[in-house]
Amino acid sequence: MNKWLVSVSIALSMAVTGVHAAGDAAAGKGKSAVCMACHGPDGNSPNPIWPKLAEQHPSYIIKQLGDFKTGARKNDLMSPMAAPLTDQDVENLAAYFSSQTQKGGSAAADRVALGEKIYRAGNAETGVAACMACHGPTGIGNAPANFPRISGQHADYVAKALKDFRQGSRTNDVNAMMRGVAARMTDDEIAAVAQYVQGLR
């Protein structure tokens, strides 16, 4: 499974040919006023159930906002917020938030050992793939393949995302890759990986 994910990651990286037009970070900052209540003025959300956007890959932000607009990804708060945005608004917001500096987090000490094991090696017995196969050893992701940066992300948000993929309430992952991984994860593994990721640098 791990080799398959690595192969797919490489193939996706090589297959990406479309390039988004560069957004205007200054214009994005002006447009971000409505985003600040949840994601913070600099993309470091004060509430751990909402994701940090600072230093996220612009292409990933663009995809998620597009998915909220089309309904490919559903969220009672984000879907109506994304609906009125133009393509240029989306690119500008992505340029702004990706240019901000993420404030890292720390991992719960009692979760680090299991979290690191799953992140780096997966669980061969149950077929859980290593997270770093797609998200990299330091969690910075893979922009060309549109795999997001997850290092420093809120543990609560990461755990919710994994559970949403596991139960199928989130389905905007390419080729159901995240759903396939999360479906094999236990609650303890999800909690541990989420904590490990929060403290990953």
Protein backbone atom coordinates (compact mmCIF):
# COMPACT_ATOMS: atom_id res chain seq x y z
CA MET A 1 0.00 0.00 0.00
CA ASN A 2 2.82 2.41 0.90
CA LYS A 3 4.60 1.74 -2.40
CA TRP A 4 1.33 2.29 -4.24
CA LEU A 5 0.81 5.66 -2.56
CA VAL A 6 4.36 6.76 -3.33
CA SER A 7 3.91 5.73 -6.98
CA VAL A 8 0.62 7.59 -7.24
CA SER A 9 2.15 10.66 -5.58
CA ILE A 10 4.98 10.73 -8.11
CA ALA A 11 2.62 10.14 -11.02
CA LEU A 12 0.30 12.92 -9.92
CA SER A 13 3.23 15.29 -9.49
CA MET A 14 4.40 14.57 -13.01
CA ALA A 15 0.92 14.71 -14.49
CA VAL A 16 0.03 18.17 -13.26
CA THR A 17 0.21 20.53 -16.20
CA GLY A 18 -2.22 23.30 -15.29
CA VAL A 19 -0.80 26.25 -13.43
CA HIS A 20 -2.99 28.73 -11.61
CA ALA A 21 -2.45 32.38 -12.36
CA ALA A 22 -0.61 34.07 -9.56
CA GLY A 23 -2.92 35.76 -7.11
CA ASP A 24 -2.39 39.20 -5.62
CA ALA A 25 -1.57 38.82 -1.92
CA ALA A 26 -2.36 42.47 -1.18
CA ALA A 27 -5.80 42.14 -2.75
CA GLY A 28 -6.24 38.87 -0.90
CA LYS A 29 -5.50 40.57 2.40
CA GLY A 30 -8.29 43.07 1.72
CA LYS A 31 -10.69 40.28 0.80
CA SER A 32 -9.73 38.22 3.86
CA ALA A 33 -11.65 40.43 6.30
CA VAL A 34 -14.56 37.99 6.32
CA CYS A 35 -12.19 35.03 6.78
CA MET A 36 -10.48 36.45 9.86
CA ALA A 37 -13.16 35.55 12.38
CA CYS A 38 -12.48 31.86 11.89
CA HIS A 39 -9.00 31.64 10.34
CA GLY A 40 -7.35 34.60 12.07
CA PRO A 41 -5.92 37.73 10.46
CA ASP A 42 -2.76 35.88 9.46
CA GLY A 43 -4.22 32.47 8.70
CA ASN A 44 -3.51 31.06 12.16
CA SER A 45 -6.99 30.15 13.33
CA PRO A 46 -7.62 30.72 17.05
CA ASN A 47 -10.09 27.83 17.24
CA PRO A 48 -8.54 24.36 16.82
CA ILE A 49 -11.53 22.99 14.90
CA TRP A 50 -10.84 25.43 12.03
CA PRO A 51 -7.70 24.92 9.95
CA LYS A 52 -4.64 27.08 9.83
CA LEU A 53 -4.24 28.49 6.32
CA ALA A 54 -0.88 30.19 6.84
CA GLU A 55 1.83 28.65 4.61
CA GLN A 56 -0.66 26.28 2.99
CA HIS A 57 0.00 25.63 -0.70
CA PRO A 58 -1.95 28.16 -2.81
CA SER A 59 -3.10 25.41 -5.19
CA TYR A 60 -4.61 23.48 -2.28
CA ILE A 61 -6.48 26.52 -0.95
CA ILE A 62 -7.77 27.20 -4.47
CA LYS A 63 -8.99 23.61 -4.83
CA GLN A 64 -10.75 23.56 -1.46
CA LEU A 65 -12.52 26.88 -2.05
CA GLY A 66 -13.53 25.67 -5.49
CA ASP A 67 -14.88 22.45 -4.00
CA PHE A 68 -16.88 24.39 -1.41
CA LYS A 69 -18.34 26.48 -4.25
CA THR A 70 -19.34 23.48 -6.37
CA GLY A 71 -20.53 21.33 -3.48
CA ALA A 72 -17.79 18.73 -3.95
CA ARG A 73 -16.91 19.53 -0.35
CA LYS A 74 -19.70 20.52 2.02
CA ASN A 75 -19.55 22.60 5.16
CA ASP A 76 -22.36 24.68 6.64
CA LEU A 77 -20.00 27.59 7.34
CA MET A 78 -17.63 27.46 4.38
CA SER A 79 -20.00 26.64 1.52
CA PRO A 80 -21.94 29.95 1.75
CA MET A 81 -18.71 31.89 2.35
CA ALA A 82 -17.12 30.50 -0.81
CA ALA A 83 -20.20 30.82 -3.03
CA PRO A 84 -19.84 34.54 -3.93
CA LEU A 85 -16.07 34.43 -4.50
CA THR A 86 -14.81 34.96 -8.04
CA ASP A 87 -11.93 32.91 -9.40
CA GLN A 88 -9.69 35.94 -8.93
CA ASP A 89 -10.87 36.37 -5.33
CA VAL A 90 -9.96 32.76 -4.66
CA GLU A 91 -6.49 33.14 -6.19
CA ASN A 92 -5.89 36.36 -4.25
CA LEU A 93 -6.95 34.78 -0.95
CA ALA A 94 -4.72 31.78 -1.65
CA ALA A 95 -1.78 34.08 -2.39
CA TYR A 96 -2.35 36.01 0.83
CA PHE A 97 -2.78 33.11 3.24
CA SER A 98 0.03 31.06 1.73
CA SER A 99 2.39 34.01 2.23
CA GLN A 100 1.70 34.21 5.96
CA THR A 101 3.85 32.49 8.59
CA GLN A 102 2.31 29.55 10.37
CA LYS A 103 2.50 29.43 14.14
CA GLY A 104 3.47 25.87 14.97
CA GLY A 105 1.93 23.73 17.66
CA SER A 106 3.10 21.04 20.05
CA ALA A 107 2.15 17.40 20.37
CA ALA A 108 0.79 15.66 23.46
CA ALA A 109 3.76 13.67 24.79
CA ASP A 110 1.72 10.51 25.36
CA ARG A 111 0.66 10.42 21.69
CA VAL A 112 4.00 11.04 19.98
CA ALA A 113 5.33 7.46 19.79
CA LEU A 114 2.25 5.97 18.12
CA GLY A 115 1.69 9.08 16.01
CA GLU A 116 5.24 9.03 14.67
CA LYS A 117 5.02 5.29 13.96
CA ILE A 118 1.85 5.67 11.90
CA TYR A 119 3.05 8.86 10.21
CA ARG A 120 6.40 7.40 9.14
CA ALA A 121 5.67 3.69 8.68
CA GLY A 122 1.90 3.19 8.70
CA ASN A 123 0.46 -0.05 10.06
CA ALA A 124 1.34 -3.02 7.87
CA GLU A 125 -1.00 -5.35 9.77
CA THR A 126 -4.10 -3.33 8.92
CA GLY A 127 -2.96 -1.76 5.66
CA VAL A 128 -2.65 1.83 6.92
CA ALA A 129 -0.24 3.66 4.63
CA ALA A 130 2.47 5.93 5.97
CA CYS A 131 1.31 9.55 5.98
CA MET A 132 4.72 10.78 4.88
CA ALA A 133 4.37 8.93 1.57
CA CYS A 134 2.23 11.84 0.38
CA HIS A 135 2.74 14.58 2.95
CA GLY A 136 6.52 14.28 3.20
CA PRO A 137 8.87 13.60 6.14
CA THR A 138 8.28 17.05 7.62
CA GLY A 139 4.62 17.33 6.68
CA ILE A 140 5.00 20.12 4.13
CA GLY A 141 3.03 18.16 1.55
CA ASN A 142 3.47 18.11 -2.21
CA ALA A 143 2.17 21.20 -4.00
CA PRO A 144 2.30 19.83 -7.59
CA ALA A 145 0.27 16.78 -6.52
CA ASN A 146 -2.03 19.00 -4.41
CA PHE A 147 -1.23 17.15 -1.20
CA PRO A 148 -1.55 19.75 1.58
CA ARG A 149 0.89 20.90 4.19
CA ILE A 150 -0.22 19.30 7.45
CA SER A 151 2.73 20.07 9.72
CA GLY A 152 1.72 22.37 12.58
CA GLN A 153 -1.98 21.96 11.77
CA HIS A 154 -4.44 21.86 14.68
CA ALA A 155 -4.83 18.30 15.99
CA ASP A 156 -8.60 18.72 16.41
CA TYR A 157 -8.97 19.73 12.77
CA VAL A 158 -6.75 16.89 11.51
CA ALA A 159 -8.66 14.33 13.57
CA LYS A 160 -12.00 15.63 12.29
CA ALA A 161 -10.78 15.55 8.68
CA LEU A 162 -9.60 11.94 9.04
CA LYS A 163 -12.90 10.89 10.62
CA ASP A 164 -14.85 12.68 7.90
CA PHE A 165 -12.87 10.79 5.26
CA ARG A 166 -13.34 7.54 7.18
CA GLN A 167 -17.10 7.85 7.38
CA GLY A 168 -17.42 9.18 3.84
CA SER A 169 -18.87 12.58 4.70
CA ARG A 170 -15.89 14.16 2.95
CA THR A 171 -15.25 12.85 -0.55
CA ASN A 172 -13.15 15.45 -2.38
CA ASP A 173 -9.90 13.49 -2.15
CA VAL A 174 -8.27 12.40 -5.43
CA ASN A 175 -9.04 8.77 -6.26
CA ALA A 176 -10.46 8.28 -2.73
CA MET A 177 -6.89 8.07 -1.42
CA MET A 178 -7.61 9.62 1.96
CA ARG A 179 -10.81 7.66 2.37
CA GLY A 180 -8.87 4.46 1.73
CA VAL A 181 -6.25 5.30 4.34
CA ALA A 182 -8.62 6.65 6.98
CA ALA A 183 -10.99 3.68 6.62
CA ARG A 184 -8.29 1.44 8.12
CA MET A 185 -7.38 3.74 11.02
CA THR A 186 -8.59 3.27 14.57
CA ASP A 187 -9.67 6.18 16.75
CA ASP A 188 -6.42 5.85 18.72
CA GLU A 189 -4.34 6.00 15.54
CA ILE A 190 -6.23 9.04 14.31
CA ALA A 191 -5.79 10.85 17.64
CA ALA A 192 -2.09 9.99 17.77
CA VAL A 193 -1.35 11.04 14.18
CA ALA A 194 -3.28 14.28 14.67
CA GLN A 195 -1.22 15.12 17.75
CA TYR A 196 2.04 14.18 16.04
CA VAL A 197 1.22 16.34 13.03
CA GLN A 198 0.37 19.29 15.27
CA GLY A 199 3.91 19.24 16.65
CA LEU A 200 5.66 18.34 13.39
CA ARG A 201 8.20 20.83 12.02
